[in-house]
Amino acid sequence: MEDGILCELQHRPNRLSQPRKAMPEASTKMLTQHLREMEKDGLIVRTDLSKRLRHVEYSLAEPHGRPTLQLINMLAAWGTQYLSGKGPSIREANEQQR
């Protein structure tokens, strides 16, 4: 779920409704719990913009949020290549780095 939340935040800050639309299978309680954990871990920032009505935005935190998202994207790209048979296996990739 964390990777989906980070992907939703990669272009701009979002309110809670954006990740909910992207992950309709996730309950509000579960999504909120993950957002709180990610904030505690330094991956995202929660900004309270409310004056009267509740308005909270979430964005990627520096220095951890964006680099973590880049790693997830690299792993996803490798996984896609690996599953399609066009990329090296884990063993081959390790041997290439030696």
C-alpha atoms as a PDB file:
ATOM      1  CA  MET A   1       0.000   0.000   0.000  1.00  0.00           C
ATOM      2  CA  GLU A   2       2.884   2.363   0.793  1.00  0.00           C
ATOM      3  CA  ASP A   3       4.179   2.234  -2.765  1.00  0.00           C
ATOM      4  CA  GLY A   4       0.747   3.217  -4.080  1.00  0.00           C
ATOM      5  CA  ILE A   5       0.574   6.153  -1.693  1.00  0.00           C
ATOM      6  CA  LEU A   6       4.051   7.340  -2.684  1.00  0.00           C
ATOM      7  CA  CYS A   7       3.139   7.070  -6.368  1.00  0.00           C
ATOM      8  CA  GLU A   8       0.058   9.197  -5.787  1.00  0.00           C
ATOM      9  CA  LEU A   9       2.203  11.874  -4.150  1.00  0.00           C
ATOM     10  CA  GLN A  10       5.032  11.920  -6.680  1.00  0.00           C
ATOM     11  CA  HIS A  11       3.693  14.823  -8.757  1.00  0.00           C
ATOM     12  CA  ARG A  12       1.948  17.022  -6.216  1.00  0.00           C
ATOM     13  CA  PRO A  13       0.551  17.054  -2.679  1.00  0.00           C
ATOM     14  CA  ASN A  14      -2.813  15.351  -2.301  1.00  0.00           C
ATOM     15  CA  ARG A  15      -5.658  15.201   0.122  1.00  0.00           C
ATOM     16  CA  LEU A  16      -6.772  11.864   1.528  1.00  0.00           C
ATOM     17  CA  SER A  17      -9.337  11.471  -1.262  1.00  0.00           C
ATOM     18  CA  GLN A  18      -6.725  10.966  -4.020  1.00  0.00           C
ATOM     19  CA  PRO A  19      -5.075   7.848  -2.583  1.00  0.00           C
ATOM     20  CA  ARG A  20      -8.564   6.551  -1.707  1.00  0.00           C
ATOM     21  CA  LYS A  21      -9.630   6.853  -5.364  1.00  0.00           C
ATOM     22  CA  ALA A  22      -6.476   5.094  -6.522  1.00  0.00           C
ATOM     23  CA  MET A  23      -6.897   2.277  -3.963  1.00  0.00           C
ATOM     24  CA  PRO A  24     -10.639   1.729  -3.536  1.00  0.00           C
ATOM     25  CA  GLU A  25     -10.055  -1.657  -1.890  1.00  0.00           C
ATOM     26  CA  ALA A  26      -8.339   0.046   1.070  1.00  0.00           C
ATOM     27  CA  SER A  27     -10.532   1.196   3.924  1.00  0.00           C
ATOM     28  CA  THR A  28     -10.217   4.764   5.183  1.00  0.00           C
ATOM     29  CA  LYS A  29      -9.005   3.434   8.520  1.00  0.00           C
ATOM     30  CA  MET A  30      -6.250   1.348   6.921  1.00  0.00           C
ATOM     31  CA  LEU A  31      -5.193   4.160   4.594  1.00  0.00           C
ATOM     32  CA  THR A  32      -5.048   6.631   7.479  1.00  0.00           C
ATOM     33  CA  GLN A  33      -3.008   4.172   9.528  1.00  0.00           C
ATOM     34  CA  HIS A  34      -0.492   3.757   6.693  1.00  0.00           C
ATOM     35  CA  LEU A  35      -0.280   7.526   6.183  1.00  0.00           C
ATOM     36  CA  ARG A  36       0.470   8.019   9.884  1.00  0.00           C
ATOM     37  CA  GLU A  37       3.169   5.318   9.814  1.00  0.00           C
ATOM     38  CA  MET A  38       4.737   6.813   6.695  1.00  0.00           C
ATOM     39  CA  GLU A  39       4.733  10.258   8.306  1.00  0.00           C
ATOM     40  CA  LYS A  40       6.392   8.822  11.412  1.00  0.00           C
ATOM     41  CA  ASP A  41       9.001   7.110   9.184  1.00  0.00           C
ATOM     42  CA  GLY A  42       9.813  10.395   7.439  1.00  0.00           C
ATOM     43  CA  LEU A  43       8.479   9.403   4.014  1.00  0.00           C
ATOM     44  CA  ILE A  44       5.618  11.898   3.818  1.00  0.00           C
ATOM     45  CA  VAL A  45       4.645  15.220   5.353  1.00  0.00           C
ATOM     46  CA  ARG A  46       1.164  15.980   6.647  1.00  0.00           C
ATOM     47  CA  THR A  47       0.195  19.641   6.347  1.00  0.00           C
ATOM     48  CA  ASP A  48      -2.926  20.934   8.094  1.00  0.00           C
ATOM     49  CA  LEU A  49      -4.386  23.683   5.895  1.00  0.00           C
ATOM     50  CA  SER A  50      -7.710  23.934   7.665  1.00  0.00           C
ATOM     51  CA  LYS A  51      -9.161  27.149   8.849  1.00  0.00           C
ATOM     52  CA  ARG A  52     -12.676  26.005   9.639  1.00  0.00           C
ATOM     53  CA  LEU A  53     -13.164  22.830   7.656  1.00  0.00           C
ATOM     54  CA  ARG A  54     -10.827  19.887   7.883  1.00  0.00           C
ATOM     55  CA  HIS A  55      -8.279  20.202   5.080  1.00  0.00           C
ATOM     56  CA  VAL A  56      -5.102  18.141   5.243  1.00  0.00           C
ATOM     57  CA  GLU A  57      -2.608  17.543   2.456  1.00  0.00           C
ATOM     58  CA  TYR A  58       0.086  14.911   2.208  1.00  0.00           C
ATOM     59  CA  SER A  59       3.320  15.313   0.256  1.00  0.00           C
ATOM     60  CA  LEU A  60       6.616  13.506  -0.144  1.00  0.00           C
ATOM     61  CA  ALA A  61       9.107  14.274   2.590  1.00  0.00           C
ATOM     62  CA  GLU A  62      12.715  15.150   2.031  1.00  0.00           C
ATOM     63  CA  PRO A  63      15.193  13.575   2.221  1.00  0.00           C
ATOM     64  CA  HIS A  64      13.533  10.128   2.323  1.00  0.00           C
ATOM     65  CA  GLY A  65      10.264  10.248   0.366  1.00  0.00           C
ATOM     66  CA  ARG A  66      11.484  10.945  -3.166  1.00  0.00           C
ATOM     67  CA  PRO A  67      14.534   8.608  -3.038  1.00  0.00           C
ATOM     68  CA  THR A  68      12.329   5.819  -1.686  1.00  0.00           C
ATOM     69  CA  LEU A  69       9.894   6.340  -4.559  1.00  0.00           C
ATOM     70  CA  GLN A  70      12.797   6.230  -7.052  1.00  0.00           C
ATOM     71  CA  LEU A  71      13.928   2.890  -5.611  1.00  0.00           C
ATOM     72  CA  ILE A  72      10.403   1.490  -5.833  1.00  0.00           C
ATOM     73  CA  ASN A  73      10.150   2.618  -9.464  1.00  0.00           C
ATOM     74  CA  MET A  74      13.522   1.016 -10.307  1.00  0.00           C
ATOM     75  CA  LEU A  75      12.459  -2.252  -8.681  1.00  0.00           C
ATOM     76  CA  ALA A  76       9.136  -2.171 -10.526  1.00  0.00           C
ATOM     77  CA  ALA A  77      10.903  -1.593 -13.855  1.00  0.00           C
ATOM     78  CA  TRP A  78      13.322  -4.444 -13.154  1.00  0.00           C
ATOM     79  CA  GLY A  79      10.431  -6.719 -12.158  1.00  0.00           C
ATOM     80  CA  THR A  80       8.589  -5.933 -15.384  1.00  0.00           C
ATOM     81  CA  GLN A  81      11.696  -6.711 -17.432  1.00  0.00           C
ATOM     82  CA  TYR A  82      12.418  -9.862 -15.441  1.00  0.00           C
ATOM     83  CA  LEU A  83       8.879 -11.200 -15.795  1.00  0.00           C
ATOM     84  CA  SER A  84       8.853 -10.473 -19.525  1.00  0.00           C
ATOM     85  CA  GLY A  85      12.109 -12.414 -19.936  1.00  0.00           C
ATOM     86  CA  LYS A  86      13.976  -9.328 -21.200  1.00  0.00           C
ATOM     87  CA  GLY A  87      15.874  -8.572 -18.023  1.00  0.00           C
ATOM     88  CA  PRO A  88      18.570 -10.397 -16.087  1.00  0.00           C
ATOM     89  CA  SER A  89      17.731 -12.751 -13.258  1.00  0.00           C
ATOM     90  CA  ILE A  90      18.746 -11.794  -9.735  1.00  0.00           C
ATOM     91  CA  ARG A  91      21.770 -14.088  -9.987  1.00  0.00           C
ATOM     92  CA  GLU A  92      22.820 -12.580 -13.341  1.00  0.00           C
ATOM     93  CA  ALA A  93      22.375  -9.042 -12.047  1.00  0.00           C
ATOM     94  CA  ASN A  94      24.519  -9.837  -8.990  1.00  0.00           C
ATOM     95  CA  GLU A  95      27.227 -11.401 -11.165  1.00  0.00           C
ATOM     96  CA  GLN A  96      27.268  -8.326 -13.444  1.00  0.00           C
ATOM     97  CA  GLN A  97      27.982  -6.100 -10.437  1.00  0.00           C
ATOM     98  CA  ARG A  98      31.038  -8.147  -9.364  1.00  0.00           C
END
